[in-house]
Amino acid sequence: MRKNKTFHMVYLALLVAFAVALHTVEAALPLPVPVPGARLGLANIITLITLVLYCWRSALTVAVLRSVVGSLITGAFLGFGFYLSLAGAVASSLAMALVFPFYLRGKITLVSVSLAGAVVFNIVQLALAATLVQNIILFRGYLPFLLILSVPTGIFTGLLAHQLLKATTHIDLRLTAGAKRIPALRQGRR
């Protein structure tokens, strides 16, 4: 029992490290998008993989630690962007956790789970920004653009997470056990 818990903590630490690395790289990339705060959501790939392999609590842990450690590395800790990132990451993880049972039943794909997270991330982040600057016009003005941008980023994140899960299921028994549990990985669906 203790050995399994140790393995879980080690894997979780590795997933957090991967998420922080992606978060940091993405923060350094200039995006040619005219909407402030728009990002690809690369670190959400790791959150989604954690949700598939473990549980929603582990995915939430990865998302929160990624936001905190990533903001410490990029110098944004306790700044405006940190609070937006943290709120979006928490809400996105919870939204993906809510629709994840439908994925387990084979009703939706991993891309759909990712899309739910991307949409909720943008809505929560924009609502918090509008609240903090006390300007509701900010919410109404940017919401359509961010929702449109969340579709390709959510699809990209979901597809990449699916491919990474498929590619790594043979590496470890714990990962293989997760693949047996999930019908979409067995059938090769997205």
C-alpha atoms as a PDB file:
ATOM      1  CA  MET A   1       0.000   0.000   0.000  1.00  0.00           C
ATOM      2  CA  ARG A   2       2.738   2.453   0.955  1.00  0.00           C
ATOM      3  CA  LYS A   3       4.682   1.594  -2.199  1.00  0.00           C
ATOM      4  CA  ASN A   4       1.668   2.430  -4.386  1.00  0.00           C
ATOM      5  CA  LYS A   5       1.262   5.769  -2.629  1.00  0.00           C
ATOM      6  CA  THR A   6       4.942   6.523  -3.185  1.00  0.00           C
ATOM      7  CA  PHE A   7       4.657   5.666  -6.884  1.00  0.00           C
ATOM      8  CA  HIS A   8       1.586   7.882  -7.139  1.00  0.00           C
ATOM      9  CA  MET A   9       3.425  10.815  -5.529  1.00  0.00           C
ATOM     10  CA  VAL A  10       6.447  10.355  -7.810  1.00  0.00           C
ATOM     11  CA  TYR A  11       4.296  10.215 -10.937  1.00  0.00           C
ATOM     12  CA  LEU A  12       2.319  13.234  -9.767  1.00  0.00           C
ATOM     13  CA  ALA A  13       5.554  15.164  -9.178  1.00  0.00           C
ATOM     14  CA  LEU A  14       6.723  14.277 -12.695  1.00  0.00           C
ATOM     15  CA  LEU A  15       3.405  15.381 -14.163  1.00  0.00           C
ATOM     16  CA  VAL A  16       3.635  18.680 -12.260  1.00  0.00           C
ATOM     17  CA  ALA A  17       7.179  19.158 -13.584  1.00  0.00           C
ATOM     18  CA  PHE A  18       6.013  18.556 -17.167  1.00  0.00           C
ATOM     19  CA  ALA A  19       3.085  20.944 -16.691  1.00  0.00           C
ATOM     20  CA  VAL A  20       5.351  23.643 -15.220  1.00  0.00           C
ATOM     21  CA  ALA A  21       7.766  23.245 -18.137  1.00  0.00           C
ATOM     22  CA  LEU A  22       4.950  23.643 -20.669  1.00  0.00           C
ATOM     23  CA  HIS A  23       3.491  26.570 -18.708  1.00  0.00           C
ATOM     24  CA  THR A  24       6.875  28.319 -18.699  1.00  0.00           C
ATOM     25  CA  VAL A  25       7.552  27.686 -22.399  1.00  0.00           C
ATOM     26  CA  GLU A  26       4.093  28.891 -23.338  1.00  0.00           C
ATOM     27  CA  ALA A  27       4.506  32.080 -21.282  1.00  0.00           C
ATOM     28  CA  ALA A  28       7.650  32.849 -23.299  1.00  0.00           C
ATOM     29  CA  LEU A  29       5.992  32.267 -26.691  1.00  0.00           C
ATOM     30  CA  PRO A  30       4.545  35.321 -28.398  1.00  0.00           C
ATOM     31  CA  LEU A  31       1.176  34.467 -29.892  1.00  0.00           C
ATOM     32  CA  PRO A  32       0.012  36.307 -33.009  1.00  0.00           C
ATOM     33  CA  VAL A  33      -3.470  36.721 -31.534  1.00  0.00           C
ATOM     34  CA  PRO A  34      -4.937  40.193 -30.930  1.00  0.00           C
ATOM     35  CA  VAL A  35      -6.723  39.073 -27.759  1.00  0.00           C
ATOM     36  CA  PRO A  36      -4.761  39.728 -24.530  1.00  0.00           C
ATOM     37  CA  GLY A  37      -4.301  36.642 -22.396  1.00  0.00           C
ATOM     38  CA  ALA A  38      -5.034  34.158 -25.174  1.00  0.00           C
ATOM     39  CA  ARG A  39      -2.834  31.063 -24.924  1.00  0.00           C
ATOM     40  CA  LEU A  40      -2.628  27.593 -26.436  1.00  0.00           C
ATOM     41  CA  GLY A  41      -3.161  25.865 -23.091  1.00  0.00           C
ATOM     42  CA  LEU A  42      -0.260  23.447 -23.464  1.00  0.00           C
ATOM     43  CA  ALA A  43      -0.054  22.759 -19.730  1.00  0.00           C
ATOM     44  CA  ASN A  44      -3.678  21.609 -19.819  1.00  0.00           C
ATOM     45  CA  ILE A  45      -2.473  18.577 -21.783  1.00  0.00           C
ATOM     46  CA  ILE A  46      -0.800  17.345 -18.615  1.00  0.00           C
ATOM     47  CA  THR A  47      -3.856  18.122 -16.482  1.00  0.00           C
ATOM     48  CA  LEU A  48      -5.990  16.107 -18.888  1.00  0.00           C
ATOM     49  CA  ILE A  49      -3.537  13.196 -18.879  1.00  0.00           C
ATOM     50  CA  THR A  50      -3.533  13.257 -15.064  1.00  0.00           C
ATOM     51  CA  LEU A  51      -7.331  13.144 -15.039  1.00  0.00           C
ATOM     52  CA  VAL A  52      -7.301  10.093 -17.306  1.00  0.00           C
ATOM     53  CA  LEU A  53      -4.553   8.229 -15.446  1.00  0.00           C
ATOM     54  CA  TYR A  54      -5.528   9.038 -11.865  1.00  0.00           C
ATOM     55  CA  CYS A  55      -8.511  11.080 -10.705  1.00  0.00           C
ATOM     56  CA  TRP A  56      -9.943  14.587 -10.592  1.00  0.00           C
ATOM     57  CA  ARG A  57      -8.179  15.389  -7.313  1.00  0.00           C
ATOM     58  CA  SER A  58      -4.804  14.577  -8.825  1.00  0.00           C
ATOM     59  CA  ALA A  59      -5.642  16.627 -11.919  1.00  0.00           C
ATOM     60  CA  LEU A  60      -6.652  19.559  -9.724  1.00  0.00           C
ATOM     61  CA  THR A  61      -3.420  19.206  -7.745  1.00  0.00           C
ATOM     62  CA  VAL A  62      -1.371  19.298 -10.954  1.00  0.00           C
ATOM     63  CA  ALA A  63      -3.276  22.353 -12.206  1.00  0.00           C
ATOM     64  CA  VAL A  64      -2.859  24.297  -8.956  1.00  0.00           C
ATOM     65  CA  LEU A  65       0.815  23.425  -8.493  1.00  0.00           C
ATOM     66  CA  ARG A  66       1.499  24.213 -12.149  1.00  0.00           C
ATOM     67  CA  SER A  67      -0.029  27.666 -11.735  1.00  0.00           C
ATOM     68  CA  VAL A  68       1.862  28.409  -8.517  1.00  0.00           C
ATOM     69  CA  VAL A  69       5.277  27.066  -9.520  1.00  0.00           C
ATOM     70  CA  GLY A  70       4.960  28.324 -13.095  1.00  0.00           C
ATOM     71  CA  SER A  71       4.157  31.829 -11.891  1.00  0.00           C
ATOM     72  CA  LEU A  72       7.118  31.717  -9.509  1.00  0.00           C
ATOM     73  CA  ILE A  73       9.412  30.839 -12.421  1.00  0.00           C
ATOM     74  CA  THR A  74       7.977  33.459 -14.779  1.00  0.00           C
ATOM     75  CA  GLY A  75       7.921  36.150 -12.081  1.00  0.00           C
ATOM     76  CA  ALA A  76       4.157  36.552 -12.057  1.00  0.00           C
ATOM     77  CA  PHE A  77       3.474  35.123  -8.588  1.00  0.00           C
ATOM     78  CA  LEU A  78       0.640  36.967  -6.792  1.00  0.00           C
ATOM     79  CA  GLY A  79       0.257  39.285  -9.768  1.00  0.00           C
ATOM     80  CA  PHE A  80      -2.850  39.864 -11.858  1.00  0.00           C
ATOM     81  CA  GLY A  81      -1.930  37.077 -14.295  1.00  0.00           C
ATOM     82  CA  PHE A  82      -1.328  34.603 -11.484  1.00  0.00           C
ATOM     83  CA  TYR A  83      -4.848  34.953 -10.112  1.00  0.00           C
ATOM     84  CA  LEU A  84      -6.326  34.648 -13.605  1.00  0.00           C
ATOM     85  CA  SER A  85      -4.237  31.551 -14.317  1.00  0.00           C
ATOM     86  CA  LEU A  86      -5.055  29.903 -10.999  1.00  0.00           C
ATOM     87  CA  ALA A  87      -8.786  30.573 -11.223  1.00  0.00           C
ATOM     88  CA  GLY A  88      -8.920  29.358 -14.810  1.00  0.00           C
ATOM     89  CA  ALA A  89      -6.886  26.232 -14.027  1.00  0.00           C
ATOM     90  CA  VAL A  90      -9.075  25.277 -11.068  1.00  0.00           C
ATOM     91  CA  ALA A  91     -12.332  25.893 -12.946  1.00  0.00           C
ATOM     92  CA  SER A  92     -11.060  24.116 -16.047  1.00  0.00           C
ATOM     93  CA  SER A  93      -9.996  21.054 -14.046  1.00  0.00           C
ATOM     94  CA  LEU A  94     -13.349  20.869 -12.304  1.00  0.00           C
ATOM     95  CA  ALA A  95     -15.230  21.256 -15.602  1.00  0.00           C
ATOM     96  CA  MET A  96     -13.201  18.447 -17.181  1.00  0.00           C
ATOM     97  CA  ALA A  97     -13.847  16.305 -14.094  1.00  0.00           C
ATOM     98  CA  LEU A  98     -17.595  16.889 -14.443  1.00  0.00           C
ATOM     99  CA  VAL A  99     -17.752  15.691 -18.060  1.00  0.00           C
ATOM    100  CA  PHE A 100     -15.120  12.961 -17.654  1.00  0.00           C
ATOM    101  CA  PRO A 101     -17.641  10.247 -16.596  1.00  0.00           C
ATOM    102  CA  PHE A 102     -19.284  10.646 -20.020  1.00  0.00           C
ATOM    103  CA  TYR A 103     -15.911   9.922 -21.586  1.00  0.00           C
ATOM    104  CA  LEU A 104     -15.497   6.806 -19.454  1.00  0.00           C
ATOM    105  CA  ARG A 105     -18.885   5.591 -20.680  1.00  0.00           C
ATOM    106  CA  GLY A 106     -17.835   6.201 -24.283  1.00  0.00           C
ATOM    107  CA  LYS A 107     -20.431   8.948 -24.852  1.00  0.00           C
ATOM    108  CA  ILE A 108     -17.897  11.695 -25.649  1.00  0.00           C
ATOM    109  CA  THR A 109     -14.265  11.851 -26.711  1.00  0.00           C
ATOM    110  CA  LEU A 110     -11.213  13.167 -24.904  1.00  0.00           C
ATOM    111  CA  VAL A 111     -11.350  16.141 -27.265  1.00  0.00           C
ATOM    112  CA  SER A 112     -14.800  16.968 -25.875  1.00  0.00           C
ATOM    113  CA  VAL A 113     -13.460  16.842 -22.320  1.00  0.00           C
ATOM    114  CA  SER A 114     -10.647  19.159 -23.383  1.00  0.00           C
ATOM    115  CA  LEU A 115     -13.075  21.555 -25.084  1.00  0.00           C
ATOM    116  CA  ALA A 116     -15.146  21.790 -21.906  1.00  0.00           C
ATOM    117  CA  GLY A 117     -12.013  22.710 -19.978  1.00  0.00           C
ATOM    118  CA  ALA A 118     -10.886  25.280 -22.549  1.00  0.00           C
ATOM    119  CA  VAL A 119     -14.267  27.027 -22.679  1.00  0.00           C
ATOM    120  CA  VAL A 120     -14.651  27.151 -18.895  1.00  0.00           C
ATOM    121  CA  PHE A 121     -11.045  28.334 -18.496  1.00  0.00           C
ATOM    122  CA  ASN A 122     -11.680  31.330 -20.768  1.00  0.00           C
ATOM    123  CA  ILE A 123     -15.058  32.203 -19.238  1.00  0.00           C
ATOM    124  CA  VAL A 124     -13.766  32.112 -15.653  1.00  0.00           C
ATOM    125  CA  GLN A 125     -10.558  33.925 -16.479  1.00  0.00           C
ATOM    126  CA  LEU A 126     -12.406  36.684 -18.325  1.00  0.00           C
ATOM    127  CA  ALA A 127     -15.089  36.994 -15.632  1.00  0.00           C
ATOM    128  CA  LEU A 128     -12.406  37.364 -12.965  1.00  0.00           C
ATOM    129  CA  ALA A 129     -10.511  39.940 -15.045  1.00  0.00           C
ATOM    130  CA  ALA A 130     -13.703  41.966 -15.591  1.00  0.00           C
ATOM    131  CA  THR A 131     -14.460  41.788 -11.865  1.00  0.00           C
ATOM    132  CA  LEU A 132     -10.968  42.823 -10.799  1.00  0.00           C
ATOM    133  CA  VAL A 133     -10.841  45.820 -13.137  1.00  0.00           C
ATOM    134  CA  GLN A 134     -14.534  46.524 -12.505  1.00  0.00           C
ATOM    135  CA  ASN A 135     -15.423  46.702 -16.177  1.00  0.00           C
ATOM    136  CA  ILE A 136     -18.154  44.379 -17.462  1.00  0.00           C
ATOM    137  CA  ILE A 137     -17.579  45.629 -21.001  1.00  0.00           C
ATOM    138  CA  LEU A 138     -14.296  43.737 -20.929  1.00  0.00           C
ATOM    139  CA  PHE A 139     -16.248  40.501 -20.426  1.00  0.00           C
ATOM    140  CA  ARG A 140     -18.776  41.198 -23.173  1.00  0.00           C
ATOM    141  CA  GLY A 141     -16.171  42.492 -25.593  1.00  0.00           C
ATOM    142  CA  TYR A 142     -13.635  39.673 -25.364  1.00  0.00           C
ATOM    143  CA  LEU A 143     -15.889  36.696 -24.608  1.00  0.00           C
ATOM    144  CA  PRO A 144     -16.836  35.892 -28.228  1.00  0.00           C
ATOM    145  CA  PHE A 145     -13.192  36.006 -29.353  1.00  0.00           C
ATOM    146  CA  LEU A 146     -11.951  33.859 -26.488  1.00  0.00           C
ATOM    147  CA  LEU A 147     -14.733  31.316 -26.996  1.00  0.00           C
ATOM    148  CA  ILE A 148     -13.858  31.075 -30.690  1.00  0.00           C
ATOM    149  CA  LEU A 149     -10.176  30.650 -29.815  1.00  0.00           C
ATOM    150  CA  SER A 150     -10.972  27.998 -27.199  1.00  0.00           C
ATOM    151  CA  VAL A 151     -12.305  25.636 -29.879  1.00  0.00           C
ATOM    152  CA  PRO A 152      -9.052  25.041 -31.813  1.00  0.00           C
ATOM    153  CA  THR A 153      -6.944  25.105 -28.640  1.00  0.00           C
ATOM    154  CA  GLY A 154      -9.284  22.647 -26.909  1.00  0.00           C
ATOM    155  CA  ILE A 155      -9.221  20.345 -29.929  1.00  0.00           C
ATOM    156  CA  PHE A 156      -5.427  20.544 -30.152  1.00  0.00           C
ATOM    157  CA  THR A 157      -5.003  19.841 -26.443  1.00  0.00           C
ATOM    158  CA  GLY A 158      -7.420  16.910 -26.505  1.00  0.00           C
ATOM    159  CA  LEU A 159      -5.839  15.342 -29.580  1.00  0.00           C
ATOM    160  CA  LEU A 160      -2.329  15.690 -28.223  1.00  0.00           C
ATOM    161  CA  ALA A 161      -3.327  14.264 -24.820  1.00  0.00           C
ATOM    162  CA  HIS A 162      -5.000  11.317 -26.544  1.00  0.00           C
ATOM    163  CA  GLN A 163      -1.931  10.618 -28.684  1.00  0.00           C
ATOM    164  CA  LEU A 164       0.400  10.864 -25.686  1.00  0.00           C
ATOM    165  CA  LEU A 165      -1.774   8.471 -23.697  1.00  0.00           C
ATOM    166  CA  LYS A 166      -1.868   6.003 -26.581  1.00  0.00           C
ATOM    167  CA  ALA A 167       1.894   6.220 -27.033  1.00  0.00           C
ATOM    168  CA  THR A 168       2.683   5.662 -23.353  1.00  0.00           C
ATOM    169  CA  THR A 169       0.190   2.979 -22.305  1.00  0.00           C
ATOM    170  CA  HIS A 170       2.741   0.205 -22.826  1.00  0.00           C
ATOM    171  CA  ILE A 171       5.448   1.842 -20.670  1.00  0.00           C
ATOM    172  CA  ASP A 172       4.180   1.005 -17.191  1.00  0.00           C
ATOM    173  CA  LEU A 173       1.632  -1.284 -15.578  1.00  0.00           C
ATOM    174  CA  ARG A 174      -0.100   1.630 -13.862  1.00  0.00           C
ATOM    175  CA  LEU A 175      -0.558   3.335 -17.211  1.00  0.00           C
ATOM    176  CA  THR A 176      -1.697   0.105 -18.869  1.00  0.00           C
ATOM    177  CA  ALA A 177      -4.263  -0.400 -16.124  1.00  0.00           C
ATOM    178  CA  GLY A 178      -5.589   3.080 -16.878  1.00  0.00           C
ATOM    179  CA  ALA A 179      -5.831   2.225 -20.582  1.00  0.00           C
ATOM    180  CA  LYS A 180      -7.827  -0.938 -19.843  1.00  0.00           C
ATOM    181  CA  ARG A 181     -10.246   1.146 -17.809  1.00  0.00           C
ATOM    182  CA  ILE A 182     -10.849   3.638 -20.608  1.00  0.00           C
ATOM    183  CA  PRO A 183     -12.741   2.330 -23.648  1.00  0.00           C
ATOM    184  CA  ALA A 184     -11.568   5.136 -25.955  1.00  0.00           C
ATOM    185  CA  LEU A 185      -7.915   4.165 -25.553  1.00  0.00           C
ATOM    186  CA  ARG A 186      -8.656   0.488 -26.149  1.00  0.00           C
ATOM    187  CA  GLN A 187     -10.596   1.294 -29.311  1.00  0.00           C
ATOM    188  CA  GLY A 188      -8.213   4.012 -30.507  1.00  0.00           C
ATOM    189  CA  ARG A 189     -10.929   6.693 -30.450  1.00  0.00           C
ATOM    190  CA  ARG A 190     -10.225  10.338 -29.843  1.00  0.00           C
END
